Amino acid sequence: MTIPKDFELADQNGQVHKLSQYLGRFVVVYFYPKDDTPGCTAEACSFRDKFAELKKMGVTVLGISKDGPAAHKKFAAKYQLNFPILSDESKEVIKAFGAWGEKKFMGKTFEGTLRKTFLIGPDGEIKKVYENVNPINHAAEIIKDIQSISA
């Protein structure tokens, strides 16, 4: 799968972020299904709680879901999220990164956003793809991986 080298999406405050603006530093691009649901909240809060450590390491965190900016703003305010949450209502970026697919929940099969994360290196190349994410300790796992890549 070839993922795009760049994309442009607005965050919860209407500020536009381009992936290319973060060249030269590690970027965590994580896709999640829906604002203010248990797993997505746990994952966002794990990034929030590790944000100071990630920032000290020169890491940018970008969350992406198909929810709109208004839902993102409410979600970010409710949980004091300290990083951009980007809105991809067209699902164009979600699909380009292979984070859209078949899901099963309570015996039903449907299409939706997969919980998937990409660790992008300072050179703009993908260093690691996380497909089976544990929302609670995901940020800590990424910190360990960056430390071993940087060592």
Protein backbone atom coordinates (compact mmCIF):
# COMPACT_ATOMS: atom_id res chain seq x y z
CA MET A 1 0.00 0.00 0.00
CA THR A 2 1.30 3.43 -0.90
CA ILE A 3 0.11 6.14 1.42
CA PRO A 4 0.11 9.82 0.51
CA LYS A 5 3.21 11.85 1.38
CA ASP A 6 0.98 14.80 2.18
CA PHE A 7 -2.56 15.73 3.10
CA GLU A 8 -4.32 18.84 4.28
CA LEU A 9 -7.10 18.75 6.90
CA ALA A 10 -8.60 21.22 9.39
CA ASP A 11 -8.52 20.61 13.13
CA GLN A 12 -11.08 21.23 15.89
CA ASN A 13 -10.30 24.98 15.79
CA GLY A 14 -10.43 25.35 12.01
CA GLN A 15 -6.63 25.49 11.68
CA VAL A 16 -5.36 23.64 8.59
CA HIS A 17 -2.57 21.10 9.05
CA LYS A 18 -0.44 19.68 6.24
CA LEU A 19 1.55 16.53 6.91
CA SER A 20 4.49 18.06 5.02
CA GLN A 21 4.73 20.95 7.50
CA TYR A 22 6.06 18.46 10.07
CA LEU A 23 9.00 17.14 8.02
CA GLY A 24 12.10 16.94 10.20
CA ARG A 25 10.29 15.53 13.22
CA PHE A 26 8.45 12.36 14.21
CA VAL A 27 4.71 12.48 13.54
CA VAL A 28 2.10 10.14 15.00
CA VAL A 29 -0.95 10.01 12.71
CA TYR A 30 -3.66 8.01 14.42
CA PHE A 31 -7.06 7.17 12.99
CA TYR A 32 -9.98 6.50 15.30
CA PRO A 33 -13.67 5.68 14.74
CA LYS A 34 -15.69 8.26 16.71
CA ASP A 35 -15.35 11.13 19.15
CA ASP A 36 -16.42 10.55 22.76
CA THR A 37 -16.77 6.77 22.63
CA PRO A 38 -15.00 4.64 25.27
CA GLY A 39 -12.04 3.30 23.24
CA CYS A 40 -11.50 6.54 21.32
CA THR A 41 -11.62 8.58 24.51
CA ALA A 42 -9.12 6.25 26.24
CA GLU A 43 -6.76 6.52 23.26
CA ALA A 44 -7.03 10.33 23.03
CA CYS A 45 -6.50 10.67 26.78
CA SER A 46 -3.41 8.42 26.62
CA PHE A 47 -1.90 10.82 24.06
CA ARG A 48 -2.99 13.79 26.18
CA ASP A 49 -1.37 12.32 29.29
CA LYS A 50 1.92 11.55 27.47
CA PHE A 51 1.90 14.81 25.47
CA ALA A 52 4.67 16.55 27.46
CA GLU A 53 6.97 13.55 27.04
CA LEU A 54 6.17 13.28 23.31
CA LYS A 55 6.69 17.02 22.81
CA LYS A 56 10.07 16.85 24.58
CA MET A 57 11.03 14.12 22.08
CA GLY A 58 10.00 16.41 19.20
CA VAL A 59 6.92 14.37 18.29
CA THR A 60 3.74 15.81 16.74
CA VAL A 61 0.47 13.94 17.36
CA LEU A 62 -2.39 14.21 14.86
CA GLY A 63 -5.66 12.38 15.50
CA ILE A 64 -8.00 11.88 12.53
CA SER A 65 -11.63 10.76 12.32
CA LYS A 66 -14.57 11.38 10.02
CA ASP A 67 -16.35 13.45 12.66
CA GLY A 68 -16.78 17.13 11.85
CA PRO A 69 -14.93 20.06 13.44
CA ALA A 70 -17.82 20.88 15.83
CA ALA A 71 -17.81 17.34 17.28
CA HIS A 72 -14.00 17.48 17.53
CA LYS A 73 -14.13 20.83 19.33
CA LYS A 74 -16.60 19.47 21.90
CA PHE A 75 -14.54 16.26 22.36
CA ALA A 76 -11.27 18.19 22.75
CA ALA A 77 -12.79 20.60 25.26
CA LYS A 78 -14.47 17.85 27.32
CA TYR A 79 -11.21 15.92 27.77
CA GLN A 80 -8.73 18.87 27.59
CA LEU A 81 -7.01 17.37 24.56
CA ASN A 82 -3.76 19.22 23.86
CA PHE A 83 -3.10 18.18 20.25
CA PRO A 84 -4.89 18.63 16.91
CA ILE A 85 -7.79 16.39 15.97
CA LEU A 86 -8.32 16.56 12.23
CA SER A 87 -11.64 16.20 10.48
CA ASP A 88 -11.86 13.99 7.38
CA GLU A 89 -15.58 14.00 6.64
CA SER A 90 -14.94 12.92 3.01
CA LYS A 91 -12.92 9.93 4.34
CA GLU A 92 -10.39 10.62 1.57
CA VAL A 93 -7.33 10.57 3.86
CA ILE A 94 -8.73 7.74 6.01
CA LYS A 95 -9.14 5.57 2.90
CA ALA A 96 -5.77 6.61 1.43
CA PHE A 97 -4.05 5.36 4.60
CA GLY A 98 -6.00 2.08 4.53
CA ALA A 99 -7.81 2.96 7.75
CA TRP A 100 -11.30 2.33 6.32
CA GLY A 101 -12.63 -1.19 6.20
CA GLU A 102 -14.89 -3.92 7.44
CA LYS A 103 -15.69 -3.96 11.13
CA LYS A 104 -17.79 -6.21 13.32
CA PHE A 105 -19.74 -5.07 16.36
CA MET A 106 -22.43 -6.95 18.26
CA GLY A 107 -22.84 -9.48 15.46
CA LYS A 108 -23.16 -6.88 12.72
CA THR A 109 -20.68 -6.25 9.92
CA PHE A 110 -20.28 -2.74 8.55
CA GLU A 111 -17.75 -0.35 6.99
CA GLY A 112 -16.02 2.13 9.25
CA THR A 113 -12.81 3.74 10.43
CA LEU A 114 -10.29 1.24 11.73
CA ARG A 115 -8.19 2.10 14.77
CA LYS A 116 -4.82 2.37 13.03
CA THR A 117 -1.70 4.45 13.69
CA PHE A 118 1.29 5.44 11.59
CA LEU A 119 4.61 6.51 13.06
CA ILE A 120 6.27 8.74 10.47
CA GLY A 121 9.95 9.56 10.82
CA PRO A 122 11.66 12.93 10.39
CA ASP A 123 12.49 11.88 6.81
CA GLY A 124 8.77 11.59 5.99
CA GLU A 125 8.92 7.79 5.74
CA ILE A 126 6.67 5.43 7.70
CA LYS A 127 8.69 3.80 10.48
CA LYS A 128 5.90 1.65 11.93
CA VAL A 129 2.22 0.86 11.37
CA TYR A 130 0.10 -0.12 14.37
CA GLU A 131 -2.92 -2.20 13.41
CA ASN A 132 -3.92 -3.82 16.70
CA VAL A 133 -3.98 -0.83 19.00
CA ASN A 134 -4.61 -1.02 22.73
CA PRO A 135 -6.08 2.46 23.32
CA ILE A 136 -4.98 2.63 26.95
CA ASN A 137 -1.22 2.11 26.50
CA HIS A 138 -0.81 3.14 22.87
CA ALA A 139 1.06 6.42 23.55
CA ALA A 140 3.53 4.64 25.87
CA GLU A 141 4.14 1.97 23.20
CA ILE A 142 4.92 4.68 20.63
CA ILE A 143 7.33 6.44 23.01
CA LYS A 144 9.25 3.15 23.46
CA ASP A 145 9.37 2.60 19.70
CA ILE A 146 10.66 6.15 19.03
CA GLN A 147 13.34 5.68 21.68
CA SER A 148 14.53 2.45 20.05
CA ILE A 149 14.45 3.96 16.53
CA SER A 150 16.35 7.03 17.72
CA ALA A 151 18.95 5.07 19.70
